[in-house]
Amino acid sequence: MIRSRYVGATVLILLSINTVSSISLAANQENSTITIVGRDNPAAIPDGTAYAALFGVLRHMPSETTDRYNRRVAATIAIIGLTSAEGGLLLEAAENFAIEVKKHEARTTQVRQKQHKSLDEVQRLQNERDALAMMVLAELRAKLSVEGGQRLASHVQSQVKPHMVLVRRTK
């Protein structure tokens, strides 16, 4: 008797999940949005978005001690496989990106402060931020060795993009 209740509850949950998935899919088709899961399709994650995430990880968090930050950054640079000089260039690029983002945020304050932003507005802001990341990345690549650039790109493809999930508007 107890076993049949579990089976019945399981069937009910599966039917509910299937219905919710169908509604979600229909809503996504109506709103013309697409969800990109980096684990399933890392190539679909825009490079600008992935590098912006990497630059963000390299920021010094206010709650973090300098010693902890230095150890975390050193570990990240070692995982990527960069030399200490190239790691310094990467940190400089992350700082430059943060500066550019602050300038961008100052220019877009009005849109960002709106309570109800349209998906188009959010997408435009994200595209602008991605472009900033690509600009900073181009400057960084010009300074890195060929091997350093390849290691960085490989790290982003294998370690950053697979951990990302994006919801994007389709046209």
Protein backbone atom coordinates (compact mmCIF):
# COMPACT_ATOMS: atom_id res chain seq x y z
CA MET A 1 0.00 0.00 0.00
CA ILE A 2 2.73 2.47 0.91
CA ARG A 3 4.73 1.58 -2.20
CA SER A 4 1.77 2.42 -4.48
CA ARG A 5 1.44 5.87 -2.89
CA TYR A 6 5.07 6.62 -3.75
CA VAL A 7 4.54 5.41 -7.30
CA GLY A 8 1.36 7.51 -7.59
CA ALA A 9 3.11 10.57 -6.15
CA THR A 10 6.05 10.08 -8.49
CA VAL A 11 3.77 9.86 -11.54
CA LEU A 12 1.93 13.00 -10.41
CA ILE A 13 5.20 14.90 -9.93
CA LEU A 14 6.49 13.80 -13.34
CA LEU A 15 3.23 14.88 -15.00
CA SER A 16 3.44 18.23 -13.19
CA ILE A 17 7.04 18.74 -14.26
CA ASN A 18 6.15 17.88 -17.85
CA THR A 19 3.25 20.38 -17.79
CA VAL A 20 5.44 23.12 -16.30
CA SER A 21 8.15 22.41 -18.89
CA SER A 22 5.58 22.69 -21.68
CA ILE A 23 4.26 25.97 -20.31
CA SER A 24 7.81 27.30 -19.92
CA LEU A 25 8.66 26.28 -23.48
CA ALA A 26 5.49 27.91 -24.82
CA ALA A 27 6.20 31.09 -22.85
CA ASN A 28 9.73 31.15 -24.20
CA GLN A 29 8.42 30.80 -27.74
CA GLU A 30 5.89 33.59 -27.16
CA ASN A 31 8.47 35.94 -25.66
CA SER A 32 11.13 34.92 -28.20
CA THR A 33 13.75 34.05 -25.60
CA ILE A 34 16.33 31.34 -25.62
CA THR A 35 18.17 29.79 -22.70
CA ILE A 36 21.78 28.88 -23.39
CA VAL A 37 23.28 26.34 -21.01
CA GLY A 38 27.05 26.50 -21.24
CA ARG A 39 27.48 22.96 -19.93
CA ASP A 40 25.52 21.67 -22.93
CA ASN A 41 26.72 24.13 -25.55
CA PRO A 42 29.72 26.25 -24.47
CA ALA A 43 30.26 27.53 -28.01
CA ALA A 44 26.88 29.32 -27.84
CA ILE A 45 28.03 31.50 -24.92
CA PRO A 46 29.38 34.76 -26.38
CA ASP A 47 33.08 35.29 -25.76
CA GLY A 48 32.44 38.80 -24.43
CA THR A 49 30.08 37.46 -21.78
CA ALA A 50 32.54 34.74 -20.73
CA TYR A 51 35.52 37.10 -20.52
CA ALA A 52 33.43 39.64 -18.59
CA ALA A 53 32.69 36.85 -16.09
CA LEU A 54 36.38 35.95 -15.85
CA PHE A 55 37.36 39.59 -15.33
CA GLY A 56 34.70 39.81 -12.62
CA VAL A 57 36.13 36.78 -10.82
CA LEU A 58 39.52 38.50 -10.71
CA ARG A 59 38.18 41.53 -8.83
CA HIS A 60 39.16 42.15 -5.23
CA MET A 61 36.01 41.62 -3.17
CA PRO A 62 35.47 44.14 -0.34
CA SER A 63 35.00 41.34 2.20
CA GLU A 64 38.24 39.67 1.16
CA THR A 65 41.60 40.24 2.85
CA THR A 66 44.51 41.20 0.64
CA ASP A 67 46.29 37.95 1.50
CA ARG A 68 43.27 35.84 0.55
CA TYR A 69 42.80 37.81 -2.67
CA ASN A 70 46.47 37.35 -3.61
CA ARG A 71 46.27 33.60 -2.99
CA ARG A 72 43.01 33.27 -4.95
CA VAL A 73 44.34 35.23 -7.90
CA ALA A 74 47.65 33.33 -7.89
CA ALA A 75 45.72 30.04 -7.92
CA THR A 76 43.53 31.22 -10.82
CA ILE A 77 46.57 32.34 -12.83
CA ALA A 78 48.27 28.99 -12.14
CA ILE A 79 45.14 27.08 -13.21
CA ILE A 80 45.03 29.07 -16.45
CA GLY A 81 48.72 28.32 -16.96
CA LEU A 82 49.98 31.89 -17.38
CA THR A 83 53.39 33.12 -16.32
CA SER A 84 53.48 35.61 -13.46
CA ALA A 85 54.11 38.43 -15.95
CA GLU A 86 51.13 37.33 -18.05
CA GLY A 87 49.07 36.98 -14.90
CA GLY A 88 49.91 40.60 -14.12
CA LEU A 89 48.67 41.58 -17.57
CA LEU A 90 45.45 39.65 -16.98
CA LEU A 91 44.90 41.44 -13.66
CA GLU A 92 45.57 44.77 -15.35
CA ALA A 93 43.00 43.88 -18.01
CA ALA A 94 40.47 42.97 -15.30
CA GLU A 95 41.05 46.37 -13.67
CA ASN A 96 40.66 48.12 -17.03
CA PHE A 97 37.42 46.24 -17.60
CA ALA A 98 36.11 47.33 -14.18
CA ILE A 99 36.92 50.95 -15.05
CA GLU A 100 35.14 50.67 -18.40
CA VAL A 101 32.10 49.05 -16.75
CA LYS A 102 31.88 51.91 -14.23
CA LYS A 103 31.93 54.42 -17.10
CA HIS A 104 29.27 52.38 -18.90
CA GLU A 105 27.11 52.23 -15.77
CA ALA A 106 27.35 56.00 -15.38
CA ARG A 107 26.09 56.42 -18.95
CA THR A 108 23.25 53.92 -18.51
CA THR A 109 22.02 54.84 -15.04
CA GLN A 110 18.58 55.86 -16.28
CA VAL A 111 17.92 52.50 -17.95
CA ARG A 112 19.40 50.48 -15.09
CA GLN A 113 17.26 52.28 -12.47
CA LYS A 114 13.97 51.60 -14.24
CA GLN A 115 11.85 49.19 -12.22
CA HIS A 116 10.52 47.40 -15.29
CA LYS A 117 13.17 47.07 -17.96
CA SER A 118 12.26 45.47 -21.23
CA LEU A 119 14.19 42.40 -22.30
CA ASP A 120 15.44 44.45 -25.25
CA GLU A 121 16.94 47.05 -22.90
CA VAL A 122 18.61 44.40 -20.77
CA GLN A 123 19.95 42.71 -23.90
CA ARG A 124 21.32 46.00 -25.23
CA LEU A 125 23.13 46.69 -21.95
CA GLN A 126 24.56 43.15 -21.96
CA ASN A 127 25.72 43.54 -25.56
CA GLU A 128 27.45 46.81 -24.67
CA ARG A 129 29.14 45.17 -21.70
CA ASP A 130 30.24 42.25 -23.89
CA ALA A 131 31.73 44.73 -26.36
CA LEU A 132 33.69 46.36 -23.52
CA ALA A 133 35.06 42.96 -22.51
CA MET A 134 36.10 42.22 -26.09
CA MET A 135 37.82 45.61 -26.36
CA VAL A 136 39.81 44.93 -23.17
CA LEU A 137 40.52 41.38 -24.34
CA ALA A 138 41.92 42.64 -27.66
CA GLU A 139 44.34 44.87 -25.74
CA LEU A 140 45.29 41.94 -23.50
CA ARG A 141 45.87 39.53 -26.39
CA ALA A 142 48.22 42.03 -28.01
CA LYS A 143 50.40 41.86 -24.88
CA LEU A 144 50.26 38.11 -24.16
CA SER A 145 52.50 35.51 -25.74
CA VAL A 146 50.86 33.25 -28.30
CA GLU A 147 50.93 30.39 -25.78
CA GLY A 148 49.49 32.62 -23.05
CA GLY A 149 46.65 33.70 -25.32
CA GLN A 150 45.92 30.08 -26.21
CA ARG A 151 45.94 29.02 -22.55
CA LEU A 152 43.59 31.85 -21.63
CA ALA A 153 41.19 31.01 -24.48
CA SER A 154 41.29 27.32 -23.56
CA HIS A 155 40.53 28.14 -19.92
CA VAL A 156 37.54 30.27 -20.88
CA GLN A 157 36.21 27.53 -23.18
CA SER A 158 36.68 24.68 -20.72
CA GLN A 159 36.25 26.30 -17.30
CA VAL A 160 34.22 29.51 -17.65
CA LYS A 161 31.63 28.92 -20.38
CA PRO A 162 30.46 25.50 -19.09
CA HIS A 163 29.44 27.13 -15.80
CA MET A 164 27.27 29.81 -17.42
CA VAL A 165 23.55 29.93 -18.20
CA LEU A 166 22.19 32.81 -20.27
CA VAL A 167 18.70 33.89 -21.21
CA ARG A 168 18.77 35.87 -24.42
CA ARG A 169 16.13 37.51 -26.56
CA THR A 170 15.89 36.27 -30.13
CA LYS A 171 14.92 38.53 -33.00
